[in-house]
């Protein structure tokens, strides 16, 4: 971020920070479709960080493979507070 500030000014690190916060807050994926990984990052956050071409161990094995997955519709209803 310091290099960005020196090159582009103070607005670039602020803009990137705001975009990362928006990507973190707005990303939601049902557990049936994999949910969020152990790293906590989604596709949009990986793109903003420049890691979209990398794959790590924690991207594949998140440690909760044996857990029971809730039904898709139940999870969506709980997300949008339909219950």
PDB file of N, CA and C in Angstrom:
ATOM      1  N   UNK A   1       0.825  -1.191   0.000  1.00  0.00           N
ATOM      2  CA  UNK A   1       0.000   0.000   0.000  1.00  0.00           C
ATOM      3  C   UNK A   1       0.870   1.257   0.000  1.00  0.00           C
ATOM      4  N   UNK A   2       2.011   1.181   0.661  1.00  0.00           N
ATOM      5  CA  UNK A   2       2.901   2.345   0.699  1.00  0.00           C
ATOM      6  C   UNK A   2       3.429   2.665  -0.695  1.00  0.00           C
ATOM      7  N   UNK A   3       3.764   1.623  -1.455  1.00  0.00           N
ATOM      8  CA  UNK A   3       4.215   1.846  -2.832  1.00  0.00           C
ATOM      9  C   UNK A   3       3.117   2.444  -3.697  1.00  0.00           C
ATOM     10  N   UNK A   4       1.900   1.994  -3.515  1.00  0.00           N
ATOM     11  CA  UNK A   4       0.774   2.572  -4.255  1.00  0.00           C
ATOM     12  C   UNK A   4       0.585   4.038  -3.897  1.00  0.00           C
ATOM     13  N   UNK A   5       0.744   4.354  -2.602  1.00  0.00           N
ATOM     14  CA  UNK A   5       0.571   5.738  -2.169  1.00  0.00           C
ATOM     15  C   UNK A   5       1.633   6.634  -2.785  1.00  0.00           C
ATOM     16  N   UNK A   6       2.850   6.149  -2.846  1.00  0.00           N
ATOM     17  CA  UNK A   6       3.932   6.945  -3.434  1.00  0.00           C
ATOM     18  C   UNK A   6       3.752   7.125  -4.932  1.00  0.00           C
ATOM     19  N   UNK A   7       3.258   6.097  -5.607  1.00  0.00           N
ATOM     20  CA  UNK A   7       3.103   6.156  -7.057  1.00  0.00           C
ATOM     21  C   UNK A   7       1.858   6.918  -7.484  1.00  0.00           C
ATOM     22  N   UNK A   8       0.716   6.603  -6.878  1.00  0.00           N
ATOM     23  CA  UNK A   8      -0.559   7.151  -7.342  1.00  0.00           C
ATOM     24  C   UNK A   8      -1.180   8.183  -6.410  1.00  0.00           C
ATOM     25  N   UNK A   9      -0.615   8.379  -5.246  1.00  0.00           N
ATOM     26  CA  UNK A   9      -1.202   9.296  -4.280  1.00  0.00           C
ATOM     27  C   UNK A   9      -2.043   8.548  -3.258  1.00  0.00           C
ATOM     28  N   UNK A  10      -2.579   9.288  -2.320  1.00  0.00           N
ATOM     29  CA  UNK A  10      -3.307   8.684  -1.209  1.00  0.00           C
ATOM     30  C   UNK A  10      -4.625   8.057  -1.647  1.00  0.00           C
ATOM     31  N   UNK A  11      -5.171   8.484  -2.773  1.00  0.00           N
ATOM     32  CA  UNK A  11      -6.492   7.983  -3.176  1.00  0.00           C
ATOM     33  C   UNK A  11      -6.470   6.508  -3.575  1.00  0.00           C
ATOM     34  N   UNK A  12      -5.367   6.026  -4.131  1.00  0.00           N
ATOM     35  CA  UNK A  12      -5.320   4.634  -4.585  1.00  0.00           C
ATOM     36  C   UNK A  12      -5.418   3.628  -3.437  1.00  0.00           C
ATOM     37  N   UNK A  13      -4.633   3.749  -2.354  1.00  0.00           N
ATOM     38  CA  UNK A  13      -4.814   2.796  -1.243  1.00  0.00           C
ATOM     39  C   UNK A  13      -6.183   2.897  -0.593  1.00  0.00           C
ATOM     40  N   UNK A  14      -6.743   4.100  -0.524  1.00  0.00           N
ATOM     41  CA  UNK A  14      -8.079   4.261   0.054  1.00  0.00           C
ATOM     42  C   UNK A  14      -9.115   3.580  -0.822  1.00  0.00           C
ATOM     43  N   UNK A  15      -9.015   3.764  -2.139  1.00  0.00           N
ATOM     44  CA  UNK A  15      -9.964   3.144  -3.069  1.00  0.00           C
ATOM     45  C   UNK A  15      -9.873   1.622  -2.981  1.00  0.00           C
ATOM     46  N   UNK A  16      -8.642   1.077  -2.958  1.00  0.00           N
ATOM     47  CA  UNK A  16      -8.476  -0.381  -2.868  1.00  0.00           C
ATOM     48  C   UNK A  16      -9.023  -0.924  -1.554  1.00  0.00           C
ATOM     49  N   UNK A  17      -8.799  -0.201  -0.468  1.00  0.00           N
ATOM     50  CA  UNK A  17      -9.340  -0.626   0.821  1.00  0.00           C
ATOM     51  C   UNK A  17     -10.855  -0.655   0.813  1.00  0.00           C
ATOM     52  N   UNK A  18     -11.468   0.364   0.195  1.00  0.00           N
ATOM     53  CA  UNK A  18     -12.929   0.400   0.111  1.00  0.00           C
ATOM     54  C   UNK A  18     -13.451  -0.733  -0.760  1.00  0.00           C
ATOM     55  N   UNK A  19     -12.787  -1.009  -1.876  1.00  0.00           N
ATOM     56  CA  UNK A  19     -13.223  -2.106  -2.748  1.00  0.00           C
ATOM     57  C   UNK A  19     -13.109  -3.448  -2.042  1.00  0.00           C
ATOM     58  N   UNK A  20     -12.033  -3.664  -1.278  1.00  0.00           N
ATOM     59  CA  UNK A  20     -11.877  -4.918  -0.537  1.00  0.00           C
ATOM     60  C   UNK A  20     -12.965  -5.079   0.519  1.00  0.00           C
ATOM     61  N   UNK A  21     -13.300  -4.010   1.214  1.00  0.00           N
ATOM     62  CA  UNK A  21     -14.350  -4.081   2.222  1.00  0.00           C
ATOM     63  C   UNK A  21     -15.695  -4.405   1.579  1.00  0.00           C
ATOM     64  N   UNK A  22     -15.985  -3.777   0.441  1.00  0.00           N
ATOM     65  CA  UNK A  22     -17.240  -4.054  -0.267  1.00  0.00           C
ATOM     66  C   UNK A  22     -17.277  -5.508  -0.725  1.00  0.00           C
ATOM     67  N   UNK A  23     -16.150  -6.017  -1.243  1.00  0.00           N
ATOM     68  CA  UNK A  23     -16.093  -7.404  -1.710  1.00  0.00           C
ATOM     69  C   UNK A  23     -16.275  -8.380  -0.545  1.00  0.00           C
ATOM     70  N   UNK A  24     -15.660  -8.086   0.605  1.00  0.00           N
ATOM     71  CA  UNK A  24     -15.809  -8.969   1.771  1.00  0.00           C
ATOM     72  C   UNK A  24     -17.234  -8.969   2.300  1.00  0.00           C
ATOM     73  N   UNK A  25     -17.838  -7.800   2.390  1.00  0.00           N
ATOM     74  CA  UNK A  25     -19.182  -7.694   2.961  1.00  0.00           C
ATOM     75  C   UNK A  25     -20.261  -8.227   2.025  1.00  0.00           C
ATOM     76  N   UNK A  26     -20.059  -8.142   0.733  1.00  0.00           N
ATOM     77  CA  UNK A  26     -21.092  -8.507  -0.227  1.00  0.00           C
ATOM     78  C   UNK A  26     -21.043  -9.929  -0.713  1.00  0.00           C
ATOM     79  N   UNK A  27     -19.968 -10.637  -0.451  1.00  0.00           N
ATOM     80  CA  UNK A  27     -19.832 -11.996  -0.976  1.00  0.00           C
ATOM     81  C   UNK A  27     -20.515 -12.995  -0.060  1.00  0.00           C
ATOM     82  N   UNK A  28     -21.418 -13.766  -0.603  1.00  0.00           N
ATOM     83  CA  UNK A  28     -22.060 -14.842   0.135  1.00  0.00           C
ATOM     84  C   UNK A  28     -22.324 -15.977  -0.836  1.00  0.00           C
ATOM     85  N   UNK A  29     -21.980 -17.179  -0.417  1.00  0.00           N
ATOM     86  CA  UNK A  29     -22.211 -18.356  -1.223  1.00  0.00           C
ATOM     87  C   UNK A  29     -22.743 -19.449  -0.309  1.00  0.00           C
ATOM     88  N   UNK A  30     -23.823 -20.135  -0.707  1.00  0.00           N
ATOM     89  CA  UNK A  30     -24.394 -21.175   0.150  1.00  0.00           C
ATOM     90  C   UNK A  30     -23.393 -22.293   0.444  1.00  0.00           C
ATOM     91  N   UNK A  31     -23.557 -22.949   1.579  1.00  0.00           N
ATOM     92  CA  UNK A  31     -22.667 -24.045   1.969  1.00  0.00           C
ATOM     93  C   UNK A  31     -22.742 -25.197   0.983  1.00  0.00           C
ATOM     94  N   UNK A  32     -23.881 -25.378   0.348  1.00  0.00           N
ATOM     95  CA  UNK A  32     -24.028 -26.453  -0.639  1.00  0.00           C
ATOM     96  C   UNK A  32     -23.065 -26.230  -1.812  1.00  0.00           C
ATOM     97  N   UNK A  33     -22.812 -24.989  -2.128  1.00  0.00           N
ATOM     98  CA  UNK A  33     -21.906 -24.652  -3.226  1.00  0.00           C
ATOM     99  C   UNK A  33     -20.487 -24.397  -2.757  1.00  0.00           C
ATOM    100  N   UNK A  34     -20.172 -24.762  -1.538  1.00  0.00           N
ATOM    101  CA  UNK A  34     -18.818 -24.636  -1.042  1.00  0.00           C
ATOM    102  C   UNK A  34     -18.627 -23.570   0.009  1.00  0.00           C
ATOM    103  N   UNK A  35     -19.546 -22.638   0.120  1.00  0.00           N
ATOM    104  CA  UNK A  35     -19.411 -21.583   1.119  1.00  0.00           C
ATOM    105  C   UNK A  35     -18.142 -20.787   0.916  1.00  0.00           C
ATOM    106  N   UNK A  36     -17.662 -20.201   1.968  1.00  0.00           N
ATOM    107  CA  UNK A  36     -16.389 -19.478   1.909  1.00  0.00           C
ATOM    108  C   UNK A  36     -15.303 -20.372   2.457  1.00  0.00           C
ATOM    109  N   UNK A  37     -14.120 -20.254   1.910  1.00  0.00           N
ATOM    110  CA  UNK A  37     -13.003 -21.082   2.340  1.00  0.00           C
ATOM    111  C   UNK A  37     -12.459 -20.682   3.692  1.00  0.00           C
ATOM    112  N   UNK A  38     -11.483 -21.449   4.168  1.00  0.00           N
ATOM    113  CA  UNK A  38     -10.872 -21.154   5.459  1.00  0.00           C
ATOM    114  C   UNK A  38     -10.135 -19.829   5.426  1.00  0.00           C
ATOM    115  N   UNK A  39      -9.649 -19.463   4.248  1.00  0.00           N
ATOM    116  CA  UNK A  39      -8.945 -18.193   4.134  1.00  0.00           C
ATOM    117  C   UNK A  39      -9.892 -17.020   4.241  1.00  0.00           C
ATOM    118  N   UNK A  40     -11.197 -17.285   4.071  1.00  0.00           N
ATOM    119  CA  UNK A  40     -12.176 -16.227   4.202  1.00  0.00           C
ATOM    120  C   UNK A  40     -12.314 -15.361   2.970  1.00  0.00           C
ATOM    121  N   UNK A  41     -11.556 -15.664   1.957  1.00  0.00           N
ATOM    122  CA  UNK A  41     -11.612 -14.823   0.768  1.00  0.00           C
ATOM    123  C   UNK A  41     -12.483 -15.452  -0.298  1.00  0.00           C
ATOM    124  N   UNK A  42     -13.167 -14.614  -1.027  1.00  0.00           N
ATOM    125  CA  UNK A  42     -13.990 -15.066  -2.124  1.00  0.00           C
ATOM    126  C   UNK A  42     -13.315 -14.741  -3.440  1.00  0.00           C
ATOM    127  N   UNK A  43     -14.011 -14.991  -4.509  1.00  0.00           N
ATOM    128  CA  UNK A  43     -13.470 -14.771  -5.846  1.00  0.00           C
ATOM    129  C   UNK A  43     -13.143 -13.300  -6.062  1.00  0.00           C
ATOM    130  N   UNK A  44     -14.048 -12.414  -5.656  1.00  0.00           N
ATOM    131  CA  UNK A  44     -13.831 -10.988  -5.892  1.00  0.00           C
ATOM    132  C   UNK A  44     -12.645 -10.458  -5.095  1.00  0.00           C
ATOM    133  N   UNK A  45     -12.514 -10.921  -3.858  1.00  0.00           N
ATOM    134  CA  UNK A  45     -11.383 -10.478  -3.040  1.00  0.00           C
ATOM    135  C   UNK A  45     -10.066 -10.991  -3.611  1.00  0.00           C
ATOM    136  N   UNK A  46     -10.050 -12.234  -4.104  1.00  0.00           N
ATOM    137  CA  UNK A  46      -8.841 -12.771  -4.729  1.00  0.00           C
ATOM    138  C   UNK A  46      -8.443 -11.954  -5.951  1.00  0.00           C
ATOM    139  N   UNK A  47      -9.409 -11.534  -6.744  1.00  0.00           N
ATOM    140  CA  UNK A  47      -9.112 -10.725  -7.926  1.00  0.00           C
ATOM    141  C   UNK A  47      -8.521  -9.381  -7.520  1.00  0.00           C
ATOM    142  N   UNK A  48      -9.105  -8.738  -6.504  1.00  0.00           N
ATOM    143  CA  UNK A  48      -8.595  -7.443  -6.058  1.00  0.00           C
ATOM    144  C   UNK A  48      -7.197  -7.552  -5.463  1.00  0.00           C
ATOM    145  N   UNK A  49      -6.885  -8.685  -4.862  1.00  0.00           N
ATOM    146  CA  UNK A  49      -5.556  -8.882  -4.283  1.00  0.00           C
ATOM    147  C   UNK A  49      -4.548  -9.426  -5.300  1.00  0.00           C
ATOM    148  N   UNK A  50      -5.006  -9.773  -6.503  1.00  0.00           N
ATOM    149  CA  UNK A  50      -4.105 -10.298  -7.530  1.00  0.00           C
ATOM    150  C   UNK A  50      -3.757 -11.757  -7.333  1.00  0.00           C
ATOM    151  N   UNK A  51      -4.615 -12.516  -6.660  1.00  0.00           N
ATOM    152  CA  UNK A  51      -4.358 -13.930  -6.393  1.00  0.00           C
ATOM    153  C   UNK A  51      -5.318 -14.840  -7.134  1.00  0.00           C
ATOM    154  N   UNK A  52      -5.950 -14.359  -8.203  1.00  0.00           N
ATOM    155  CA  UNK A  52      -6.952 -15.176  -8.885  1.00  0.00           C
ATOM    156  C   UNK A  52      -6.355 -16.356  -9.637  1.00  0.00           C
ATOM    157  N   UNK A  53      -5.059 -16.332  -9.905  1.00  0.00           N
ATOM    158  CA  UNK A  53      -4.417 -17.428 -10.632  1.00  0.00           C
ATOM    159  C   UNK A  53      -3.729 -18.423  -9.708  1.00  0.00           C
ATOM    160  N   UNK A  54      -3.802 -18.207  -8.405  1.00  0.00           N
ATOM    161  CA  UNK A  54      -3.155 -19.096  -7.445  1.00  0.00           C
ATOM    162  C   UNK A  54      -4.175 -20.034  -6.825  1.00  0.00           C
ATOM    163  N   UNK A  55      -3.719 -21.220  -6.476  1.00  0.00           N
ATOM    164  CA  UNK A  55      -4.563 -22.148  -5.725  1.00  0.00           C
ATOM    165  C   UNK A  55      -3.693 -22.750  -4.632  1.00  0.00           C
ATOM    166  N   UNK A  56      -4.195 -22.725  -3.433  1.00  0.00           N
ATOM    167  CA  UNK A  56      -3.456 -23.236  -2.296  1.00  0.00           C
ATOM    168  C   UNK A  56      -4.172 -24.412  -1.656  1.00  0.00           C
ATOM    169  N   UNK A  57      -3.489 -25.047  -0.724  1.00  0.00           N
ATOM    170  CA  UNK A  57      -4.038 -26.200  -0.020  1.00  0.00           C
ATOM    171  C   UNK A  57      -5.351 -25.849   0.670  1.00  0.00           C
ATOM    172  N   UNK A  58      -5.397 -24.663   1.303  1.00  0.00           N
ATOM    173  CA  UNK A  58      -6.592 -24.264   2.036  1.00  0.00           C
ATOM    174  C   UNK A  58      -7.751 -23.899   1.114  1.00  0.00           C
ATOM    175  N   UNK A  59      -7.496 -23.683  -0.173  1.00  0.00           N
ATOM    176  CA  UNK A  59      -8.583 -23.442  -1.109  1.00  0.00           C
ATOM    177  C   UNK A  59      -9.357 -24.727  -1.414  1.00  0.00           C
ATOM    178  N   UNK A  60      -8.698 -25.860  -1.309  1.00  0.00           N
ATOM    179  CA  UNK A  60      -9.327 -27.141  -1.625  1.00  0.00           C
ATOM    180  C   UNK A  60      -9.853 -27.822  -0.361  1.00  0.00           C
ATOM    181  N   UNK A  61      -9.008 -27.926   0.651  1.00  0.00           N
ATOM    182  CA  UNK A  61      -9.369 -28.605   1.891  1.00  0.00           C
ATOM    183  C   UNK A  61      -9.538 -27.560   2.979  1.00  0.00           C
ATOM    184  N   UNK A  62     -10.778 -27.277   3.327  1.00  0.00           N
ATOM    185  CA  UNK A  62     -11.049 -26.235   4.311  1.00  0.00           C
ATOM    186  C   UNK A  62     -11.207 -26.786   5.720  1.00  0.00           C
ATOM    187  N   UNK A  63     -11.189 -28.103   5.901  1.00  0.00           N
ATOM    188  CA  UNK A  63     -11.230 -28.697   7.224  1.00  0.00           C
ATOM    189  C   UNK A  63     -12.606 -29.083   7.711  1.00  0.00           C
ATOM    190  N   UNK A  64     -13.642 -28.792   6.952  1.00  0.00           N
ATOM    191  CA  UNK A  64     -14.991 -29.133   7.409  1.00  0.00           C
ATOM    192  C   UNK A  64     -15.696 -30.028   6.394  1.00  0.00           C
ATOM    193  N   UNK A  65     -14.955 -30.947   5.806  1.00  0.00           N
ATOM    194  CA  UNK A  65     -15.521 -31.832   4.802  1.00  0.00           C
ATOM    195  C   UNK A  65     -16.521 -32.823   5.391  1.00  0.00           C
ATOM    196  N   UNK A  66     -16.404 -33.127   6.675  1.00  0.00           N
ATOM    197  CA  UNK A  66     -17.271 -34.121   7.296  1.00  0.00           C
ATOM    198  C   UNK A  66     -18.504 -33.499   7.953  1.00  0.00           C
ATOM    199  N   UNK A  67     -18.674 -32.206   7.899  1.00  0.00           N
ATOM    200  CA  UNK A  67     -19.818 -31.565   8.548  1.00  0.00           C
ATOM    201  C   UNK A  67     -21.083 -31.810   7.744  1.00  0.00           C
ATOM    202  N   UNK A  68     -22.208 -31.674   8.406  1.00  0.00           N
ATOM    203  CA  UNK A  68     -23.470 -31.823   7.691  1.00  0.00           C
ATOM    204  C   UNK A  68     -23.807 -30.494   7.024  1.00  0.00           C
ATOM    205  N   UNK A  69     -24.170 -30.563   5.781  1.00  0.00           N
ATOM    206  CA  UNK A  69     -24.472 -29.373   4.999  1.00  0.00           C
ATOM    207  C   UNK A  69     -25.972 -29.097   5.090  1.00  0.00           C
ATOM    208  N   UNK A  70     -26.355 -27.872   5.445  1.00  0.00           N
ATOM    209  CA  UNK A  70     -27.784 -27.561   5.515  1.00  0.00           C
ATOM    210  C   UNK A  70     -28.409 -27.549   4.123  1.00  0.00           C
ATOM    211  N   UNK A  71     -29.708 -27.730   4.084  1.00  0.00           N
ATOM    212  CA  UNK A  71     -30.424 -27.672   2.818  1.00  0.00           C
ATOM    213  C   UNK A  71     -30.272 -26.280   2.208  1.00  0.00           C
ATOM    214  N   UNK A  72     -30.194 -26.225   0.895  1.00  0.00           N
ATOM    215  CA  UNK A  72     -29.992 -24.965   0.186  1.00  0.00           C
ATOM    216  C   UNK A  72     -31.099 -23.970   0.494  1.00  0.00           C
ATOM    217  N   UNK A  73     -32.348 -24.407   0.385  1.00  0.00           N
ATOM    218  CA  UNK A  73     -33.478 -23.503   0.588  1.00  0.00           C
ATOM    219  C   UNK A  73     -33.558 -23.000   2.033  1.00  0.00           C
ATOM    220  N   UNK A  74     -33.251 -23.875   2.992  1.00  0.00           N
ATOM    221  CA  UNK A  74     -33.246 -23.456   4.396  1.00  0.00           C
ATOM    222  C   UNK A  74     -32.193 -22.382   4.633  1.00  0.00           C
ATOM    223  N   UNK A  75     -31.039 -22.564   4.037  1.00  0.00           N
ATOM    224  CA  UNK A  75     -29.957 -21.595   4.221  1.00  0.00           C
ATOM    225  C   UNK A  75     -30.294 -20.242   3.582  1.00  0.00           C
ATOM    226  N   UNK A  76     -30.884 -20.267   2.397  1.00  0.00           N
ATOM    227  CA  UNK A  76     -31.269 -19.018   1.738  1.00  0.00           C
ATOM    228  C   UNK A  76     -32.373 -18.321   2.521  1.00  0.00           C
ATOM    229  N   UNK A  77     -33.345 -19.079   3.008  1.00  0.00           N
ATOM    230  CA  UNK A  77     -34.421 -18.487   3.809  1.00  0.00           C
ATOM    231  C   UNK A  77     -33.871 -17.852   5.081  1.00  0.00           C
ATOM    232  N   UNK A  78     -32.895 -18.500   5.701  1.00  0.00           N
ATOM    233  CA  UNK A  78     -32.287 -17.928   6.900  1.00  0.00           C
ATOM    234  C   UNK A  78     -31.485 -16.674   6.542  1.00  0.00           C
ATOM    235  N   UNK A  79     -30.838 -16.665   5.389  1.00  0.00           N
ATOM    236  CA  UNK A  79     -30.062 -15.502   4.952  1.00  0.00           C
ATOM    237  C   UNK A  79     -30.947 -14.286   4.707  1.00  0.00           C
ATOM    238  N   UNK A  80     -32.074 -14.485   4.064  1.00  0.00           N
ATOM    239  CA  UNK A  80     -32.969 -13.360   3.748  1.00  0.00           C
ATOM    240  C   UNK A  80     -34.052 -13.168   4.803  1.00  0.00           C
ATOM    241  N   UNK A  81     -33.954 -13.912   5.895  1.00  0.00           N
ATOM    242  CA  UNK A  81     -34.863 -13.802   7.051  1.00  0.00           C
ATOM    243  C   UNK A  81     -36.331 -14.025   6.661  1.00  0.00           C
ATOM    244  N   UNK A  82     -36.610 -15.144   6.005  1.00  0.00           N
ATOM    245  CA  UNK A  82     -37.971 -15.487   5.610  1.00  0.00           C
ATOM    246  C   UNK A  82     -38.681 -16.329   6.672  1.00  0.00           C
ATOM    247  N   UNK A  83     -37.960 -16.817   7.658  1.00  0.00           N
ATOM    248  CA  UNK A  83     -38.550 -17.721   8.643  1.00  0.00           C
ATOM    249  C   UNK A  83     -39.406 -17.019   9.636  1.00  0.00           C
TER     250      UNK A  83
END
